[in-house]
Amino acid sequence: MEPLTRLLRYAAPHRLVIAGALAAMVVYGAASAVLAWLVKPILDQVLPARESLGVVAGAIIGAYVVKGIGAFFSSYWMDDLGHRVVMALRNELFERVLGQSAAFFARRSTGQLLSRVNNDVGQVQRAVSETVGDMARESLTVIGYAALLVYIDAGLALVCVTAAPLGVRDLLAAGQQ
């Protein structure tokens, strides 16, 4: 958890980019929930009676367009945030390397130092732009699905939240035996 908090320190000055990415992630999650909500009209109206086919098809296409826009902007802004964090990290690393003694440079080869600067900082960029972004985007999608479940049937949502973890626990216990 400590490395993540250190990364967040570098991302903190870029609140506007983070807010834009989060807003796009909320759009992505809401569009995903709308797509799940559209299953009911498909099963109730379109398939049995062939009613509202155009409306439901248009809603599906619109939801996918909105979801794609949310995915694009959240990925774009998270990549931008990753580049900004890496720039700050590389500047700090450069200042530290310049402040080292001659003995430091004698103990390490040029290739070793360049490898650290390029590879390690690149991994930080992937962590910020891809891993954290995907985790946040999919977490907001799960929240959208949960809100849809509560909206459709709050009692069923309560059963799912309480009974499903117990069922998974029992399945995992049976699989270990």
C-alpha atoms as a PDB file:
ATOM      1  CA  MET A   1       0.000   0.000   0.000  1.00  0.00           C
ATOM      2  CA  GLU A   2       2.927   2.311   0.699  1.00  0.00           C
ATOM      3  CA  PRO A   3       4.119   2.444  -2.945  1.00  0.00           C
ATOM      4  CA  LEU A   4       0.594   3.376  -4.033  1.00  0.00           C
ATOM      5  CA  THR A   5       0.440   6.266  -1.598  1.00  0.00           C
ATOM      6  CA  ARG A   6       3.838   7.452  -2.853  1.00  0.00           C
ATOM      7  CA  LEU A   7       2.505   7.348  -6.413  1.00  0.00           C
ATOM      8  CA  LEU A   8      -0.569   9.305  -5.401  1.00  0.00           C
ATOM      9  CA  ARG A   9       1.726  12.023  -4.061  1.00  0.00           C
ATOM     10  CA  TYR A  10       3.034  12.540  -7.594  1.00  0.00           C
ATOM     11  CA  ALA A  11      -0.494  12.478  -9.057  1.00  0.00           C
ATOM     12  CA  ALA A  12      -2.009  14.896  -6.522  1.00  0.00           C
ATOM     13  CA  PRO A  13      -1.106  18.137  -8.374  1.00  0.00           C
ATOM     14  CA  HIS A  14      -3.050  16.944 -11.404  1.00  0.00           C
ATOM     15  CA  ARG A  15      -6.501  16.964  -9.811  1.00  0.00           C
ATOM     16  CA  LEU A  16      -8.231  18.265 -12.934  1.00  0.00           C
ATOM     17  CA  VAL A  17      -6.952  15.369 -15.039  1.00  0.00           C
ATOM     18  CA  ILE A  18      -7.961  12.911 -12.319  1.00  0.00           C
ATOM     19  CA  ALA A  19     -11.433  14.468 -12.112  1.00  0.00           C
ATOM     20  CA  GLY A  20     -11.878  14.214 -15.871  1.00  0.00           C
ATOM     21  CA  ALA A  21     -10.782  10.590 -15.868  1.00  0.00           C
ATOM     22  CA  LEU A  22     -13.127   9.770 -12.991  1.00  0.00           C
ATOM     23  CA  ALA A  23     -16.036  11.493 -14.733  1.00  0.00           C
ATOM     24  CA  ALA A  24     -15.349   9.472 -17.882  1.00  0.00           C
ATOM     25  CA  MET A  25     -15.165   6.303 -15.760  1.00  0.00           C
ATOM     26  CA  VAL A  26     -18.558   7.099 -14.235  1.00  0.00           C
ATOM     27  CA  VAL A  27     -19.972   7.519 -17.760  1.00  0.00           C
ATOM     28  CA  TYR A  28     -18.450   4.145 -18.701  1.00  0.00           C
ATOM     29  CA  GLY A  29     -19.929   2.445 -15.630  1.00  0.00           C
ATOM     30  CA  ALA A  30     -23.357   4.002 -16.136  1.00  0.00           C
ATOM     31  CA  ALA A  31     -23.440   2.974 -19.805  1.00  0.00           C
ATOM     32  CA  SER A  32     -22.496  -0.574 -18.804  1.00  0.00           C
ATOM     33  CA  ALA A  33     -25.386  -0.624 -16.326  1.00  0.00           C
ATOM     34  CA  VAL A  34     -27.755   0.713 -19.006  1.00  0.00           C
ATOM     35  CA  LEU A  35     -26.717  -2.139 -21.291  1.00  0.00           C
ATOM     36  CA  ALA A  36     -27.551  -4.623 -18.538  1.00  0.00           C
ATOM     37  CA  TRP A  37     -30.878  -2.871 -17.958  1.00  0.00           C
ATOM     38  CA  LEU A  38     -31.734  -3.219 -21.667  1.00  0.00           C
ATOM     39  CA  VAL A  39     -31.772  -7.023 -21.383  1.00  0.00           C
ATOM     40  CA  LYS A  40     -35.294  -6.896 -19.876  1.00  0.00           C
ATOM     41  CA  PRO A  41     -36.928  -5.092 -22.840  1.00  0.00           C
ATOM     42  CA  ILE A  42     -35.144  -7.438 -25.221  1.00  0.00           C
ATOM     43  CA  LEU A  43     -36.514 -10.506 -23.451  1.00  0.00           C
ATOM     44  CA  ASP A  44     -39.981  -9.076 -22.747  1.00  0.00           C
ATOM     45  CA  GLN A  45     -40.802  -7.114 -25.909  1.00  0.00           C
ATOM     46  CA  VAL A  46     -38.388  -7.611 -28.776  1.00  0.00           C
ATOM     47  CA  LEU A  47     -37.928 -11.386 -28.851  1.00  0.00           C
ATOM     48  CA  PRO A  48     -41.472 -12.665 -28.152  1.00  0.00           C
ATOM     49  CA  ALA A  49     -43.610  -9.970 -29.795  1.00  0.00           C
ATOM     50  CA  ARG A  50     -41.097  -8.154 -32.051  1.00  0.00           C
ATOM     51  CA  GLU A  51     -42.197  -4.840 -30.509  1.00  0.00           C
ATOM     52  CA  SER A  52     -39.936  -1.826 -30.037  1.00  0.00           C
ATOM     53  CA  LEU A  53     -37.096  -3.391 -32.002  1.00  0.00           C
ATOM     54  CA  GLY A  54     -35.907  -0.051 -33.385  1.00  0.00           C
ATOM     55  CA  VAL A  55     -36.082   1.705 -30.030  1.00  0.00           C
ATOM     56  CA  VAL A  56     -34.203  -1.030 -28.165  1.00  0.00           C
ATOM     57  CA  ALA A  57     -31.623  -1.416 -30.947  1.00  0.00           C
ATOM     58  CA  GLY A  58     -31.062   2.348 -30.970  1.00  0.00           C
ATOM     59  CA  ALA A  59     -30.720   2.369 -27.185  1.00  0.00           C
ATOM     60  CA  ILE A  60     -28.144  -0.431 -27.346  1.00  0.00           C
ATOM     61  CA  ILE A  61     -26.147   1.366 -30.023  1.00  0.00           C
ATOM     62  CA  GLY A  62     -26.370   4.631 -28.088  1.00  0.00           C
ATOM     63  CA  ALA A  63     -25.273   2.966 -24.849  1.00  0.00           C
ATOM     64  CA  TYR A  64     -22.289   1.373 -26.600  1.00  0.00           C
ATOM     65  CA  VAL A  65     -21.330   4.727 -28.131  1.00  0.00           C
ATOM     66  CA  VAL A  66     -21.512   6.428 -24.733  1.00  0.00           C
ATOM     67  CA  LYS A  67     -19.578   3.552 -23.144  1.00  0.00           C
ATOM     68  CA  GLY A  68     -16.911   3.843 -25.846  1.00  0.00           C
ATOM     69  CA  ILE A  69     -16.617   7.591 -25.319  1.00  0.00           C
ATOM     70  CA  GLY A  70     -16.247   7.045 -21.575  1.00  0.00           C
ATOM     71  CA  ALA A  71     -13.618   4.352 -22.132  1.00  0.00           C
ATOM     72  CA  PHE A  72     -11.695   6.542 -24.574  1.00  0.00           C
ATOM     73  CA  PHE A  73     -11.585   9.620 -22.373  1.00  0.00           C
ATOM     74  CA  SER A  74     -10.814   7.694 -19.190  1.00  0.00           C
ATOM     75  CA  SER A  75      -7.935   5.895 -20.933  1.00  0.00           C
ATOM     76  CA  TYR A  76      -6.730   9.135 -22.524  1.00  0.00           C
ATOM     77  CA  TRP A  77      -6.710  11.073 -19.264  1.00  0.00           C
ATOM     78  CA  MET A  78      -5.186   8.210 -17.288  1.00  0.00           C
ATOM     79  CA  ASP A  79      -2.403   7.938 -19.889  1.00  0.00           C
ATOM     80  CA  ASP A  80      -1.908  11.702 -19.628  1.00  0.00           C
ATOM     81  CA  LEU A  81      -1.733  11.384 -15.842  1.00  0.00           C
ATOM     82  CA  GLY A  82       0.776   8.546 -16.198  1.00  0.00           C
ATOM     83  CA  HIS A  83       2.990  10.703 -18.420  1.00  0.00           C
ATOM     84  CA  ARG A  84       2.795  13.621 -15.989  1.00  0.00           C
ATOM     85  CA  VAL A  85       3.673  11.396 -13.021  1.00  0.00           C
ATOM     86  CA  VAL A  86       6.593   9.882 -14.928  1.00  0.00           C
ATOM     87  CA  MET A  87       7.864  13.326 -15.902  1.00  0.00           C
ATOM     88  CA  ALA A  88       7.873  14.417 -12.253  1.00  0.00           C
ATOM     89  CA  LEU A  89       9.465  11.148 -11.198  1.00  0.00           C
ATOM     90  CA  ARG A  90      12.189  11.386 -13.852  1.00  0.00           C
ATOM     91  CA  ASN A  91      12.938  14.995 -12.930  1.00  0.00           C
ATOM     92  CA  GLU A  92      13.310  14.025  -9.272  1.00  0.00           C
ATOM     93  CA  LEU A  93      15.424  11.016 -10.197  1.00  0.00           C
ATOM     94  CA  PHE A  94      17.635  13.167 -12.438  1.00  0.00           C
ATOM     95  CA  GLU A  95      18.208  15.655  -9.603  1.00  0.00           C
ATOM     96  CA  ARG A  96      19.155  12.831  -7.246  1.00  0.00           C
ATOM     97  CA  VAL A  97      21.530  11.227  -9.726  1.00  0.00           C
ATOM     98  CA  LEU A  98      23.258  14.558 -10.331  1.00  0.00           C
ATOM     99  CA  GLY A  99      23.761  14.978  -6.590  1.00  0.00           C
ATOM    100  CA  GLN A 100      25.574  11.663  -6.165  1.00  0.00           C
ATOM    101  CA  SER A 101      29.261  11.353  -5.424  1.00  0.00           C
ATOM    102  CA  ALA A 102      31.940  10.047  -7.780  1.00  0.00           C
ATOM    103  CA  ALA A 103      32.082   6.816  -5.742  1.00  0.00           C
ATOM    104  CA  PHE A 104      28.411   6.176  -6.575  1.00  0.00           C
ATOM    105  CA  PHE A 105      29.166   6.316 -10.291  1.00  0.00           C
ATOM    106  CA  ALA A 106      32.266   4.158  -9.858  1.00  0.00           C
ATOM    107  CA  ARG A 107      30.200   1.363  -8.238  1.00  0.00           C
ATOM    108  CA  ARG A 108      27.519   1.304 -10.937  1.00  0.00           C
ATOM    109  CA  SER A 109      27.810   0.939 -14.666  1.00  0.00           C
ATOM    110  CA  THR A 110      26.191   3.359 -17.083  1.00  0.00           C
ATOM    111  CA  GLY A 111      23.951   0.590 -18.403  1.00  0.00           C
ATOM    112  CA  GLN A 112      22.720  -0.225 -14.913  1.00  0.00           C
ATOM    113  CA  LEU A 113      21.801   3.397 -14.244  1.00  0.00           C
ATOM    114  CA  LEU A 114      20.073   3.818 -17.618  1.00  0.00           C
ATOM    115  CA  SER A 115      18.179   0.586 -17.107  1.00  0.00           C
ATOM    116  CA  ARG A 116      16.894   1.850 -13.782  1.00  0.00           C
ATOM    117  CA  VAL A 117      15.829   5.174 -15.205  1.00  0.00           C
ATOM    118  CA  ASN A 118      14.095   3.731 -18.274  1.00  0.00           C
ATOM    119  CA  ASN A 119      12.610   0.419 -17.118  1.00  0.00           C
ATOM    120  CA  ASP A 120      11.627   1.159 -13.537  1.00  0.00           C
ATOM    121  CA  VAL A 121      10.039   4.491 -14.358  1.00  0.00           C
ATOM    122  CA  GLY A 122       8.235   2.879 -17.323  1.00  0.00           C
ATOM    123  CA  GLN A 123       6.726   0.323 -14.962  1.00  0.00           C
ATOM    124  CA  VAL A 124       5.467   3.151 -12.782  1.00  0.00           C
ATOM    125  CA  GLN A 125       3.827   4.733 -15.823  1.00  0.00           C
ATOM    126  CA  ARG A 126       2.052   1.466 -16.685  1.00  0.00           C
ATOM    127  CA  ALA A 127       0.925   1.114 -13.080  1.00  0.00           C
ATOM    128  CA  VAL A 128      -0.583   4.595 -13.060  1.00  0.00           C
ATOM    129  CA  SER A 129      -2.138   4.657 -16.512  1.00  0.00           C
ATOM    130  CA  GLU A 130      -3.238   1.041 -16.963  1.00  0.00           C
ATOM    131  CA  THR A 131      -3.548  -0.797 -13.663  1.00  0.00           C
ATOM    132  CA  VAL A 132      -5.020   1.951 -11.505  1.00  0.00           C
ATOM    133  CA  GLY A 133      -7.199   3.185 -14.379  1.00  0.00           C
ATOM    134  CA  ASP A 134      -8.612  -0.258 -15.154  1.00  0.00           C
ATOM    135  CA  MET A 135      -9.192  -0.987 -11.478  1.00  0.00           C
ATOM    136  CA  ALA A 136     -11.080   2.274 -10.966  1.00  0.00           C
ATOM    137  CA  ARG A 137     -13.089   1.949 -14.197  1.00  0.00           C
ATOM    138  CA  GLU A 138     -14.201  -1.609 -13.479  1.00  0.00           C
ATOM    139  CA  SER A 139     -14.947  -0.792  -9.820  1.00  0.00           C
ATOM    140  CA  LEU A 140     -17.283   1.975 -10.954  1.00  0.00           C
ATOM    141  CA  THR A 141     -18.895  -0.493 -13.372  1.00  0.00           C
ATOM    142  CA  VAL A 142     -19.561  -2.916 -10.511  1.00  0.00           C
ATOM    143  CA  ILE A 143     -21.088  -0.054  -8.529  1.00  0.00           C
ATOM    144  CA  GLY A 144     -23.332   0.710 -11.524  1.00  0.00           C
ATOM    145  CA  TYR A 145     -24.413  -2.932 -11.709  1.00  0.00           C
ATOM    146  CA  ALA A 146     -25.091  -2.988  -7.975  1.00  0.00           C
ATOM    147  CA  ALA A 147     -27.180   0.200  -8.216  1.00  0.00           C
ATOM    148  CA  LEU A 148     -29.152  -1.360 -11.067  1.00  0.00           C
ATOM    149  CA  LEU A 149     -29.711  -4.504  -9.011  1.00  0.00           C
ATOM    150  CA  VAL A 150     -30.999  -2.460  -6.063  1.00  0.00           C
ATOM    151  CA  TYR A 151     -33.228  -0.447  -8.410  1.00  0.00           C
ATOM    152  CA  ILE A 152     -34.735  -3.552  -9.991  1.00  0.00           C
ATOM    153  CA  ASP A 153     -35.202  -5.612  -6.826  1.00  0.00           C
ATOM    154  CA  ALA A 154     -33.815  -4.452  -3.484  1.00  0.00           C
ATOM    155  CA  GLY A 155     -34.727  -7.728  -1.756  1.00  0.00           C
ATOM    156  CA  LEU A 156     -32.846  -9.784  -4.306  1.00  0.00           C
ATOM    157  CA  ALA A 157     -29.906  -7.411  -3.984  1.00  0.00           C
ATOM    158  CA  LEU A 158     -29.882  -7.978  -0.221  1.00  0.00           C
ATOM    159  CA  VAL A 159     -29.927 -11.750  -0.713  1.00  0.00           C
ATOM    160  CA  CYS A 160     -27.100 -11.530  -3.257  1.00  0.00           C
ATOM    161  CA  VAL A 161     -24.957  -9.361  -1.010  1.00  0.00           C
ATOM    162  CA  THR A 162     -25.439 -11.592   2.021  1.00  0.00           C
ATOM    163  CA  ALA A 163     -25.758 -15.109   0.586  1.00  0.00           C
ATOM    164  CA  ALA A 164     -23.427 -15.011  -2.418  1.00  0.00           C
ATOM    165  CA  PRO A 165     -20.201 -14.629  -0.388  1.00  0.00           C
ATOM    166  CA  LEU A 166     -21.226 -17.572   1.771  1.00  0.00           C
ATOM    167  CA  GLY A 167     -21.904 -19.687  -1.311  1.00  0.00           C
ATOM    168  CA  VAL A 168     -18.551 -18.774  -2.815  1.00  0.00           C
ATOM    169  CA  ARG A 169     -16.849 -19.628   0.467  1.00  0.00           C
ATOM    170  CA  ASP A 170     -18.538 -23.040   0.511  1.00  0.00           C
ATOM    171  CA  LEU A 171     -17.579 -23.688  -3.133  1.00  0.00           C
ATOM    172  CA  LEU A 172     -13.970 -22.805  -2.419  1.00  0.00           C
ATOM    173  CA  ALA A 173     -13.936 -25.024   0.660  1.00  0.00           C
ATOM    174  CA  ALA A 174     -15.411 -27.956  -1.323  1.00  0.00           C
ATOM    175  CA  GLY A 175     -12.853 -27.430  -4.081  1.00  0.00           C
ATOM    176  CA  GLN A 176      -9.946 -27.632  -1.627  1.00  0.00           C
ATOM    177  CA  GLN A 177     -11.051 -31.041  -0.321  1.00  0.00           C
END
